[in-house]
PDB file of all heavy atoms in Angstrom:
ATOM      1  N   HIS A   1      47.207  33.189 -72.222  1.00  0.00           N
ATOM      2  CA  HIS A   1      46.586  34.469 -72.560  1.00  0.00           C
ATOM      3  C   HIS A   1      46.463  35.345 -71.306  1.00  0.00           C
ATOM      4  O   HIS A   1      45.603  35.120 -70.457  1.00  0.00           O
ATOM      5  CB  HIS A   1      45.209  34.253 -73.189  1.00  0.00           C
ATOM      6  CG  HIS A   1      45.256  33.488 -74.468  1.00  0.00           C
ATOM      7  ND1 HIS A   1      45.612  34.058 -75.662  1.00  0.00           N
ATOM      8  CD2 HIS A   1      45.005  32.165 -74.735  1.00  0.00           C
ATOM      9  CE1 HIS A   1      45.576  33.136 -76.626  1.00  0.00           C
ATOM     10  NE2 HIS A   1      45.207  31.987 -76.074  1.00  0.00           N
ATOM     11  N   ALA A   2      47.314  36.346 -71.221  1.00  0.00           N
ATOM     12  CA  ALA A   2      47.325  37.217 -70.041  1.00  0.00           C
ATOM     13  C   ALA A   2      46.018  37.987 -69.895  1.00  0.00           C
ATOM     14  O   ALA A   2      45.553  38.236 -68.781  1.00  0.00           O
ATOM     15  CB  ALA A   2      48.503  38.192 -70.134  1.00  0.00           C
ATOM     16  N   SER A   3      45.401  38.395 -71.008  1.00  0.00           N
ATOM     17  CA  SER A   3      44.166  39.186 -70.922  1.00  0.00           C
ATOM     18  C   SER A   3      43.034  38.366 -70.310  1.00  0.00           C
ATOM     19  O   SER A   3      42.182  38.897 -69.595  1.00  0.00           O
ATOM     20  CB  SER A   3      43.757  39.689 -72.307  1.00  0.00           C
ATOM     21  OG  SER A   3      43.435  38.606 -73.172  1.00  0.00           O
ATOM     22  N   LEU A   4      43.016  37.071 -70.567  1.00  0.00           N
ATOM     23  CA  LEU A   4      41.991  36.209 -69.983  1.00  0.00           C
ATOM     24  C   LEU A   4      42.156  36.129 -68.471  1.00  0.00           C
ATOM     25  O   LEU A   4      41.185  36.251 -67.713  1.00  0.00           O
ATOM     26  CB  LEU A   4      42.087  34.815 -70.608  1.00  0.00           C
ATOM     27  CG  LEU A   4      41.058  33.782 -70.138  1.00  0.00           C
ATOM     28  CD1 LEU A   4      39.645  34.238 -70.470  1.00  0.00           C
ATOM     29  CD2 LEU A   4      41.348  32.429 -70.797  1.00  0.00           C
ATOM     30  N   MET A   5      43.394  35.965 -68.016  1.00  0.00           N
ATOM     31  CA  MET A   5      43.634  35.890 -66.582  1.00  0.00           C
ATOM     32  C   MET A   5      43.350  37.226 -65.913  1.00  0.00           C
ATOM     33  O   MET A   5      42.830  37.284 -64.800  1.00  0.00           O
ATOM     34  CB  MET A   5      45.093  35.476 -66.339  1.00  0.00           C
ATOM     35  CG  MET A   5      45.365  35.043 -64.904  1.00  0.00           C
ATOM     36  SD  MET A   5      44.447  33.560 -64.467  1.00  0.00           S
ATOM     37  CE  MET A   5      44.066  33.904 -62.763  1.00  0.00           C
ATOM     38  N   ARG A   6      43.675  38.325 -66.610  1.00  0.00           N
ATOM     39  CA  ARG A   6      43.434  39.655 -66.046  1.00  0.00           C
ATOM     40  C   ARG A   6      41.932  39.908 -65.845  1.00  0.00           C
ATOM     41  O   ARG A   6      41.501  40.377 -64.798  1.00  0.00           O
ATOM     42  CB  ARG A   6      44.020  40.721 -66.963  1.00  0.00           C
ATOM     43  CG  ARG A   6      43.858  42.148 -66.422  1.00  0.00           C
ATOM     44  CD  ARG A   6      44.423  43.187 -67.373  1.00  0.00           C
ATOM     45  NE  ARG A   6      43.709  43.213 -68.645  1.00  0.00           N
ATOM     46  CZ  ARG A   6      44.218  42.826 -69.811  1.00  0.00           C
ATOM     47  NH1 ARG A   6      45.471  42.373 -69.871  1.00  0.00           N
ATOM     48  NH2 ARG A   6      43.516  42.874 -70.923  1.00  0.00           N
ATOM     49  N   GLU A   7      41.123  39.570 -66.842  1.00  0.00           N
ATOM     50  CA  GLU A   7      39.680  39.786 -66.715  1.00  0.00           C
ATOM     51  C   GLU A   7      39.073  38.849 -65.681  1.00  0.00           C
ATOM     52  O   GLU A   7      38.129  39.208 -64.976  1.00  0.00           O
ATOM     53  CB  GLU A   7      39.003  39.592 -68.073  1.00  0.00           C
ATOM     54  CG  GLU A   7      39.351  40.653 -69.085  1.00  0.00           C
ATOM     55  CD  GLU A   7      39.101  42.047 -68.561  1.00  0.00           C
ATOM     56  OE1 GLU A   7      38.038  42.268 -67.941  1.00  0.00           O
ATOM     57  OE2 GLU A   7      39.968  42.924 -68.745  1.00  0.00           O
ATOM     58  N   LEU A   8      39.624  37.651 -65.577  1.00  0.00           N
ATOM     59  CA  LEU A   8      39.140  36.715 -64.563  1.00  0.00           C
ATOM     60  C   LEU A   8      39.427  37.261 -63.167  1.00  0.00           C
ATOM     61  O   LEU A   8      38.568  37.219 -62.280  1.00  0.00           O
ATOM     62  CB  LEU A   8      39.820  35.359 -64.763  1.00  0.00           C
ATOM     63  CG  LEU A   8      39.348  34.218 -63.861  1.00  0.00           C
ATOM     64  CD1 LEU A   8      37.885  33.915 -64.104  1.00  0.00           C
ATOM     65  CD2 LEU A   8      40.186  32.967 -64.122  1.00  0.00           C
ATOM     66  N   ALA A   9      40.629  37.790 -62.952  1.00  0.00           N
ATOM     67  CA  ALA A   9      40.987  38.368 -61.654  1.00  0.00           C
ATOM     68  C   ALA A   9      40.117  39.576 -61.339  1.00  0.00           C
ATOM     69  O   ALA A   9      39.668  39.759 -60.204  1.00  0.00           O
ATOM     70  CB  ALA A   9      42.467  38.768 -61.647  1.00  0.00           C
ATOM     71  N   ARG A  10      39.856  40.410 -62.347  1.00  0.00           N
ATOM     72  CA  ARG A  10      39.013  41.594 -62.139  1.00  0.00           C
ATOM     73  C   ARG A  10      37.596  41.183 -61.741  1.00  0.00           C
ATOM     74  O   ARG A  10      36.997  41.757 -60.845  1.00  0.00           O
ATOM     75  CB  ARG A  10      38.987  42.419 -63.421  1.00  0.00           C
ATOM     76  CG  ARG A  10      38.142  43.686 -63.331  1.00  0.00           C
ATOM     77  CD  ARG A  10      38.138  44.421 -64.651  1.00  0.00           C
ATOM     78  NE  ARG A  10      39.462  44.915 -64.999  1.00  0.00           N
ATOM     79  CZ  ARG A  10      39.762  45.496 -66.166  1.00  0.00           C
ATOM     80  NH1 ARG A  10      38.832  45.629 -67.093  1.00  0.00           N
ATOM     81  NH2 ARG A  10      40.992  45.928 -66.406  1.00  0.00           N
ATOM     82  N   MET A  11      37.078  40.179 -62.434  1.00  0.00           N
ATOM     83  CA  MET A  11      35.724  39.709 -62.135  1.00  0.00           C
ATOM     84  C   MET A  11      35.638  39.119 -60.731  1.00  0.00           C
ATOM     85  O   MET A  11      34.690  39.373 -59.981  1.00  0.00           O
ATOM     86  CB  MET A  11      35.309  38.680 -63.180  1.00  0.00           C
ATOM     87  CG  MET A  11      33.942  38.065 -62.988  1.00  0.00           C
ATOM     88  SD  MET A  11      33.983  36.657 -61.857  1.00  0.00           S
ATOM     89  CE  MET A  11      35.217  35.643 -62.636  1.00  0.00           C
ATOM     90  N   MET A  12      36.636  38.313 -60.328  1.00  0.00           N
ATOM     91  CA  MET A  12      36.612  37.705 -59.002  1.00  0.00           C
ATOM     92  C   MET A  12      36.729  38.756 -57.903  1.00  0.00           C
ATOM     93  O   MET A  12      36.081  38.655 -56.868  1.00  0.00           O
ATOM     94  CB  MET A  12      37.735  36.669 -58.872  1.00  0.00           C
ATOM     95  CG  MET A  12      37.477  35.410 -59.668  1.00  0.00           C
ATOM     96  SD  MET A  12      38.624  34.070 -59.245  1.00  0.00           S
ATOM     97  CE  MET A  12      40.172  34.790 -59.763  1.00  0.00           C
ATOM     98  N   LEU A  13      37.547  39.794 -58.137  1.00  0.00           N
ATOM     99  CA  LEU A  13      37.677  40.861 -57.156  1.00  0.00           C
ATOM    100  C   LEU A  13      36.356  41.592 -56.984  1.00  0.00           C
ATOM    101  O   LEU A  13      35.943  41.888 -55.859  1.00  0.00           O
ATOM    102  CB  LEU A  13      38.773  41.834 -57.592  1.00  0.00           C
ATOM    103  CG  LEU A  13      39.081  42.983 -56.632  1.00  0.00           C
ATOM    104  CD1 LEU A  13      39.539  42.449 -55.286  1.00  0.00           C
ATOM    105  CD2 LEU A  13      40.158  43.898 -57.223  1.00  0.00           C
ATOM    106  N   ALA A  14      35.658  41.863 -58.090  1.00  0.00           N
ATOM    107  CA  ALA A  14      34.358  42.522 -58.008  1.00  0.00           C
ATOM    108  C   ALA A  14      33.359  41.661 -57.259  1.00  0.00           C
ATOM    109  O   ALA A  14      32.564  42.146 -56.451  1.00  0.00           O
ATOM    110  CB  ALA A  14      33.844  42.829 -59.414  1.00  0.00           C
ATOM    111  N   ARG A  15      33.415  40.344 -57.499  1.00  0.00           N
ATOM    112  CA  ARG A  15      32.479  39.452 -56.808  1.00  0.00           C
ATOM    113  C   ARG A  15      32.774  39.394 -55.321  1.00  0.00           C
ATOM    114  O   ARG A  15      31.861  39.393 -54.490  1.00  0.00           O
ATOM    115  CB  ARG A  15      32.556  38.057 -57.426  1.00  0.00           C
ATOM    116  CG  ARG A  15      31.635  37.050 -56.762  1.00  0.00           C
ATOM    117  CD  ARG A  15      31.607  35.721 -57.493  1.00  0.00           C
ATOM    118  NE  ARG A  15      30.869  35.822 -58.746  1.00  0.00           N
ATOM    119  CZ  ARG A  15      30.628  34.780 -59.543  1.00  0.00           C
ATOM    120  NH1 ARG A  15      31.081  33.587 -59.218  1.00  0.00           N
ATOM    121  NH2 ARG A  15      29.953  34.933 -60.658  1.00  0.00           N
ATOM    122  N   LEU A  16      34.067  39.364 -54.954  1.00  0.00           N
ATOM    123  CA  LEU A  16      34.425  39.348 -53.538  1.00  0.00           C
ATOM    124  C   LEU A  16      33.964  40.622 -52.847  1.00  0.00           C
ATOM    125  O   LEU A  16      33.440  40.593 -51.738  1.00  0.00           O
ATOM    126  CB  LEU A  16      35.934  39.187 -53.379  1.00  0.00           C
ATOM    127  CG  LEU A  16      36.497  37.781 -53.578  1.00  0.00           C
ATOM    128  CD1 LEU A  16      38.016  37.830 -53.621  1.00  0.00           C
ATOM    129  CD2 LEU A  16      36.022  36.847 -52.478  1.00  0.00           C
ATOM    130  N   ARG A  17      34.145  41.761 -53.502  1.00  0.00           N
ATOM    131  CA  ARG A  17      33.688  43.014 -52.913  1.00  0.00           C
ATOM    132  C   ARG A  17      32.179  43.018 -52.762  1.00  0.00           C
ATOM    133  O   ARG A  17      31.641  43.490 -51.767  1.00  0.00           O
ATOM    134  CB  ARG A  17      34.135  44.181 -53.787  1.00  0.00           C
ATOM    135  CG  ARG A  17      35.627  44.478 -53.687  1.00  0.00           C
ATOM    136  CD  ARG A  17      36.053  45.490 -54.723  1.00  0.00           C
ATOM    137  NE  ARG A  17      37.453  45.865 -54.566  1.00  0.00           N
ATOM    138  CZ  ARG A  17      38.162  46.514 -55.484  1.00  0.00           C
ATOM    139  NH1 ARG A  17      37.593  46.874 -56.638  1.00  0.00           N
ATOM    140  NH2 ARG A  17      39.423  46.813 -55.245  1.00  0.00           N
ATOM    141  N   GLY A  18      31.487  42.490 -53.764  1.00  0.00           N
ATOM    142  CA  GLY A  18      30.034  42.428 -53.675  1.00  0.00           C
ATOM    143  C   GLY A  18      29.577  41.521 -52.565  1.00  0.00           C
ATOM    144  O   GLY A  18      28.628  41.821 -51.845  1.00  0.00           O
ATOM    145  N   THR A  19      30.271  40.398 -52.363  1.00  0.00           N
ATOM    146  CA  THR A  19      29.919  39.478 -51.284  1.00  0.00           C
ATOM    147  C   THR A  19      30.119  40.133 -49.931  1.00  0.00           C
ATOM    148  O   THR A  19      29.311  39.982 -49.011  1.00  0.00           O
ATOM    149  CB  THR A  19      30.765  38.196 -51.379  1.00  0.00           C
ATOM    150  OG1 THR A  19      30.533  37.583 -52.647  1.00  0.00           O
ATOM    151  CG2 THR A  19      30.397  37.220 -50.282  1.00  0.00           C
ATOM    152  N   GLN A  20      31.205  40.906 -49.790  1.00  0.00           N
ATOM    153  CA  GLN A  20      31.459  41.578 -48.525  1.00  0.00           C
ATOM    154  C   GLN A  20      30.364  42.599 -48.216  1.00  0.00           C
ATOM    155  O   GLN A  20      30.021  42.836 -47.075  1.00  0.00           O
ATOM    156  CB  GLN A  20      32.830  42.268 -48.579  1.00  0.00           C
ATOM    157  CG  GLN A  20      33.995  41.285 -48.547  1.00  0.00           C
ATOM    158  CD  GLN A  20      35.315  41.944 -48.907  1.00  0.00           C
ATOM    159  OE1 GLN A  20      35.371  43.131 -49.210  1.00  0.00           O
ATOM    160  NE2 GLN A  20      36.377  41.156 -48.882  1.00  0.00           N
ATOM    161  N   ARG A  21      29.804  43.207 -49.267  1.00  0.00           N
ATOM    162  CA  ARG A  21      28.719  44.168 -49.058  1.00  0.00           C
ATOM    163  C   ARG A  21      27.363  43.488 -49.062  1.00  0.00           C
ATOM    164  O   ARG A  21      26.336  44.132 -48.920  1.00  0.00           O
ATOM    165  CB  ARG A  21      28.744  45.232 -50.163  1.00  0.00           C
ATOM    166  CG  ARG A  21      29.983  46.097 -50.160  1.00  0.00           C
ATOM    167  CD  ARG A  21      29.768  47.312 -51.048  1.00  0.00           C
ATOM    168  NE  ARG A  21      29.367  46.937 -52.397  1.00  0.00           N
ATOM    169  CZ  ARG A  21      30.212  46.721 -53.402  1.00  0.00           C
ATOM    170  NH1 ARG A  21      31.505  46.804 -53.204  1.00  0.00           N
ATOM    171  NH2 ARG A  21      29.757  46.404 -54.609  1.00  0.00           N
ATOM    172  N   ASN A  22      27.362  42.155 -49.300  1.00  0.00           N
ATOM    173  CA  ASN A  22      26.138  41.376 -49.324  1.00  0.00           C
ATOM    174  C   ASN A  22      25.195  41.827 -50.439  1.00  0.00           C
ATOM    175  O   ASN A  22      23.979  41.862 -50.271  1.00  0.00           O
ATOM    176  CB  ASN A  22      25.407  41.458 -47.972  1.00  0.00           C
ATOM    177  CG  ASN A  22      24.455  40.291 -47.780  1.00  0.00           C
ATOM    178  OD1 ASN A  22      24.773  39.179 -48.168  1.00  0.00           O
ATOM    179  ND2 ASN A  22      23.300  40.542 -47.183  1.00  0.00           N
ATOM    180  N   VAL A  23      25.747  42.232 -51.589  1.00  0.00           N
ATOM    181  CA  VAL A  23      24.893  42.665 -52.688  1.00  0.00           C
ATOM    182  C   VAL A  23      24.827  41.621 -53.799  1.00  0.00           C
ATOM    183  O   VAL A  23      23.958  41.711 -54.661  1.00  0.00           O
ATOM    184  CB  VAL A  23      25.384  44.010 -53.274  1.00  0.00           C
ATOM    185  CG1 VAL A  23      25.319  45.094 -52.233  1.00  0.00           C
ATOM    186  CG2 VAL A  23      26.799  43.897 -53.835  1.00  0.00           C
ATOM    187  N   ALA A  24      25.735  40.665 -53.777  1.00  0.00           N
ATOM    188  CA  ALA A  24      25.760  39.695 -54.864  1.00  0.00           C
ATOM    189  C   ALA A  24      24.693  38.624 -54.710  1.00  0.00           C
ATOM    190  O   ALA A  24      24.402  37.909 -55.651  1.00  0.00           O
ATOM    191  CB  ALA A  24      27.134  39.029 -54.938  1.00  0.00           C
ATOM    192  N   ALA A  25      24.113  38.512 -53.528  1.00  0.00           N
ATOM    193  CA  ALA A  25      23.218  37.400 -53.254  1.00  0.00           C
ATOM    194  C   ALA A  25      21.750  37.775 -53.381  1.00  0.00           C
ATOM    195  O   ALA A  25      20.892  37.077 -52.885  1.00  0.00           O
ATOM    196  CB  ALA A  25      23.478  36.865 -51.843  1.00  0.00           C
ATOM    197  N   GLU A  26      21.456  38.897 -54.018  1.00  0.00           N
ATOM    198  CA  GLU A  26      20.089  39.379 -54.009  1.00  0.00           C
ATOM    199  C   GLU A  26      19.197  38.650 -55.011  1.00  0.00           C
ATOM    200  O   GLU A  26      19.522  38.560 -56.193  1.00  0.00           O
ATOM    201  CB  GLU A  26      20.057  40.884 -54.322  1.00  0.00           C
ATOM    202  CG  GLU A  26      20.784  41.740 -53.328  1.00  0.00           C
ATOM    203  CD  GLU A  26      20.308  41.526 -51.918  1.00  0.00           C
ATOM    204  OE1 GLU A  26      19.104  41.296 -51.715  1.00  0.00           O
ATOM    205  OE2 GLU A  26      21.127  41.574 -51.001  1.00  0.00           O
ATOM    206  N   PRO A  27      18.034  38.171 -54.554  1.00  0.00           N
ATOM    207  CA  PRO A  27      17.014  37.729 -55.510  1.00  0.00           C
ATOM    208  C   PRO A  27      16.402  38.949 -56.173  1.00  0.00           C
ATOM    209  O   PRO A  27      16.385  40.038 -55.601  1.00  0.00           O
ATOM    210  CB  PRO A  27      16.000  37.006 -54.619  1.00  0.00           C
ATOM    211  CG  PRO A  27      16.149  37.655 -53.287  1.00  0.00           C
ATOM    212  CD  PRO A  27      17.597  38.046 -53.166  1.00  0.00           C
ATOM    213  N   LYS A  28      15.897  38.804 -57.375  1.00  0.00           N
ATOM    214  CA  LYS A  28      15.243  39.926 -58.036  1.00  0.00           C
ATOM    215  C   LYS A  28      13.916  39.546 -58.666  1.00  0.00           C
ATOM    216  O   LYS A  28      13.124  40.419 -59.018  1.00  0.00           O
ATOM    217  CB  LYS A  28      16.161  40.559 -59.079  1.00  0.00           C
ATOM    218  CG  LYS A  28      16.493  39.702 -60.273  1.00  0.00           C
ATOM    219  CD  LYS A  28      17.443  40.434 -61.235  1.00  0.00           C
ATOM    220  CE  LYS A  28      16.878  41.737 -61.733  1.00  0.00           C
ATOM    221  NZ  LYS A  28      17.770  42.431 -62.682  1.00  0.00           N
TER     222      LYS A  28
END
């Protein structure tokens, strides 16, 4: 399923960008 791999890649890219900005690790 190409759509599954595409959404997985999109999600991982967003997480990597968030990690680089140090925003993914925030407690709330």
